[in-house]
């Protein structure tokens, strides 16, 4: 997802990490014209979440 945000969307890594899920969905839809669920399925999102669990914020 970071690769998509920094490559296709042109975001900086910092912008990606500070964004919310709805912001990312809206940016993807705005750039591609496709709804987020058509790009990343719920099953794929769950798979990603399994391998990248939430971590404590460094803030």
N, C-alpha and C. Protein backbone atom coordinates (compact mmCIF):
# COMPACT_ATOMS: atom_id res chain seq x y z
N UNK A 1 0.82 -1.18 0.00
CA UNK A 1 0.00 0.00 0.00
C UNK A 1 0.88 1.25 0.00
N UNK A 2 1.97 1.21 0.74
CA UNK A 2 2.89 2.35 0.75
C UNK A 2 3.42 2.60 -0.66
N UNK A 3 3.75 1.53 -1.38
CA UNK A 3 4.24 1.66 -2.75
C UNK A 3 3.22 2.31 -3.66
N UNK A 4 1.96 1.95 -3.50
CA UNK A 4 0.89 2.54 -4.30
C UNK A 4 0.75 4.02 -3.98
N UNK A 5 0.76 4.34 -2.68
CA UNK A 5 0.58 5.73 -2.26
C UNK A 5 1.74 6.61 -2.73
N UNK A 6 2.96 6.12 -2.60
CA UNK A 6 4.11 6.94 -2.99
C UNK A 6 4.33 6.93 -4.50
N UNK A 7 3.95 5.84 -5.17
CA UNK A 7 4.14 5.76 -6.62
C UNK A 7 2.99 6.35 -7.39
N UNK A 8 1.85 5.70 -7.33
CA UNK A 8 0.69 6.11 -8.13
C UNK A 8 0.09 7.43 -7.64
N UNK A 9 -0.04 7.56 -6.33
CA UNK A 9 -0.66 8.78 -5.79
C UNK A 9 0.32 9.94 -5.68
N UNK A 10 1.62 9.64 -5.64
CA UNK A 10 2.62 10.69 -5.53
C UNK A 10 2.77 11.27 -4.14
N UNK A 11 2.30 10.52 -3.13
CA UNK A 11 2.41 10.98 -1.74
C UNK A 11 3.82 10.72 -1.22
N UNK A 12 4.23 11.52 -0.26
CA UNK A 12 5.46 11.23 0.46
C UNK A 12 5.17 10.12 1.46
N UNK A 13 6.19 9.39 1.91
CA UNK A 13 5.95 8.38 2.94
C UNK A 13 5.29 8.99 4.18
N UNK A 14 5.70 10.18 4.55
CA UNK A 14 5.11 10.83 5.73
C UNK A 14 3.62 11.07 5.52
N UNK A 15 3.23 11.52 4.33
CA UNK A 15 1.81 11.76 4.05
C UNK A 15 1.03 10.45 4.15
N UNK A 16 1.61 9.37 3.64
CA UNK A 16 0.95 8.07 3.73
C UNK A 16 0.72 7.68 5.18
N UNK A 17 1.75 7.75 6.00
CA UNK A 17 1.65 7.29 7.39
C UNK A 17 0.75 8.19 8.23
N UNK A 18 0.57 9.43 7.83
CA UNK A 18 -0.32 10.32 8.57
C UNK A 18 -1.76 10.27 8.07
N UNK A 19 -1.99 9.61 6.94
CA UNK A 19 -3.34 9.55 6.37
C UNK A 19 -4.22 8.55 7.10
N UNK A 20 -5.52 8.75 6.94
CA UNK A 20 -6.48 7.79 7.49
C UNK A 20 -6.93 6.86 6.37
N UNK A 21 -7.53 5.75 6.74
CA UNK A 21 -8.02 4.80 5.75
C UNK A 21 -9.02 5.47 4.78
N UNK A 22 -10.00 6.24 5.28
CA UNK A 22 -10.93 6.91 4.35
C UNK A 22 -10.23 7.89 3.40
N UNK A 23 -9.20 8.57 3.88
CA UNK A 23 -8.45 9.48 3.01
C UNK A 23 -7.75 8.71 1.90
N UNK A 24 -7.17 7.58 2.26
CA UNK A 24 -6.49 6.76 1.27
C UNK A 24 -7.48 6.22 0.24
N UNK A 25 -8.63 5.75 0.71
CA UNK A 25 -9.66 5.27 -0.21
C UNK A 25 -10.10 6.36 -1.18
N UNK A 26 -10.33 7.56 -0.66
CA UNK A 26 -10.77 8.67 -1.50
C UNK A 26 -9.69 9.05 -2.51
N UNK A 27 -8.44 9.04 -2.10
CA UNK A 27 -7.35 9.38 -3.01
C UNK A 27 -7.23 8.35 -4.13
N UNK A 28 -7.37 7.08 -3.78
CA UNK A 28 -7.30 6.03 -4.79
C UNK A 28 -8.44 6.18 -5.78
N UNK A 29 -9.64 6.40 -5.27
CA UNK A 29 -10.80 6.56 -6.15
C UNK A 29 -10.63 7.79 -7.04
N UNK A 30 -10.14 8.87 -6.47
CA UNK A 30 -9.94 10.09 -7.25
C UNK A 30 -8.90 9.93 -8.34
N UNK A 31 -7.83 9.21 -8.05
CA UNK A 31 -6.74 9.05 -9.03
C UNK A 31 -7.07 8.01 -10.09
N UNK A 32 -7.70 6.90 -9.68
CA UNK A 32 -7.91 5.79 -10.61
C UNK A 32 -9.31 5.75 -11.21
N UNK A 33 -10.26 6.41 -10.55
CA UNK A 33 -11.65 6.33 -10.99
C UNK A 33 -12.32 5.04 -10.57
N UNK A 34 -11.60 4.22 -9.80
CA UNK A 34 -12.15 2.95 -9.33
C UNK A 34 -12.35 3.02 -7.83
N UNK A 35 -13.41 2.38 -7.37
CA UNK A 35 -13.63 2.32 -5.93
C UNK A 35 -12.56 1.46 -5.30
N UNK A 36 -12.17 1.82 -4.10
CA UNK A 36 -11.10 1.11 -3.40
C UNK A 36 -11.37 -0.38 -3.31
N UNK A 37 -12.63 -0.75 -3.03
CA UNK A 37 -12.94 -2.17 -2.87
C UNK A 37 -12.72 -2.96 -4.16
N UNK A 38 -12.69 -2.27 -5.30
CA UNK A 38 -12.41 -2.94 -6.56
C UNK A 38 -10.92 -3.17 -6.78
N UNK A 39 -10.08 -2.49 -6.02
CA UNK A 39 -8.63 -2.62 -6.13
C UNK A 39 -8.09 -3.56 -5.05
N UNK A 40 -8.50 -3.34 -3.83
CA UNK A 40 -8.09 -4.19 -2.72
C UNK A 40 -9.34 -4.84 -2.15
N UNK A 41 -9.44 -6.14 -2.28
CA UNK A 41 -10.60 -6.85 -1.78
C UNK A 41 -10.52 -6.95 -0.25
N UNK A 42 -11.64 -7.17 0.41
CA UNK A 42 -11.61 -7.36 1.85
C UNK A 42 -10.68 -8.50 2.27
N UNK A 43 -10.65 -9.56 1.48
CA UNK A 43 -9.76 -10.69 1.80
C UNK A 43 -8.30 -10.26 1.74
N UNK A 44 -7.94 -9.46 0.73
CA UNK A 44 -6.56 -8.99 0.61
C UNK A 44 -6.22 -8.03 1.74
N UNK A 45 -7.15 -7.16 2.11
CA UNK A 45 -6.92 -6.25 3.23
C UNK A 45 -6.69 -7.02 4.52
N UNK A 46 -7.46 -8.09 4.73
CA UNK A 46 -7.28 -8.92 5.92
C UNK A 46 -5.92 -9.61 5.90
N UNK A 47 -5.50 -10.06 4.73
CA UNK A 47 -4.19 -10.71 4.60
C UNK A 47 -3.07 -9.72 4.93
N UNK A 48 -3.18 -8.51 4.41
CA UNK A 48 -2.19 -7.48 4.70
C UNK A 48 -2.15 -7.19 6.20
N UNK A 49 -3.32 -7.07 6.81
CA UNK A 49 -3.40 -6.78 8.24
C UNK A 49 -2.78 -7.89 9.08
N UNK A 50 -2.93 -9.13 8.63
CA UNK A 50 -2.34 -10.26 9.37
C UNK A 50 -0.83 -10.16 9.41
N UNK A 51 -0.22 -9.74 8.32
CA UNK A 51 1.23 -9.66 8.25
C UNK A 51 1.80 -8.34 8.76
N UNK A 52 0.94 -7.35 8.94
CA UNK A 52 1.37 -6.04 9.42
C UNK A 52 0.43 -5.58 10.53
N UNK A 53 0.52 -6.22 11.69
CA UNK A 53 -0.40 -5.87 12.79
C UNK A 53 -0.16 -4.46 13.29
N UNK A 54 -1.15 -3.90 13.98
CA UNK A 54 -0.98 -2.57 14.55
C UNK A 54 0.22 -2.52 15.49
N UNK A 55 0.91 -1.42 15.48
CA UNK A 55 2.04 -1.24 16.37
C UNK A 55 1.83 0.04 17.17
N UNK A 56 2.53 0.14 18.26
CA UNK A 56 2.44 1.32 19.09
C UNK A 56 3.00 2.52 18.34
N UNK A 57 2.33 3.63 18.42
CA UNK A 57 2.76 4.85 17.76
C UNK A 57 4.08 5.33 18.34
N UNK A 58 4.92 5.92 17.51
CA UNK A 58 6.18 6.47 18.00
C UNK A 58 6.03 7.92 18.44
N UNK A 59 4.82 8.45 18.32
CA UNK A 59 4.57 9.83 18.72
C UNK A 59 4.56 9.96 20.21
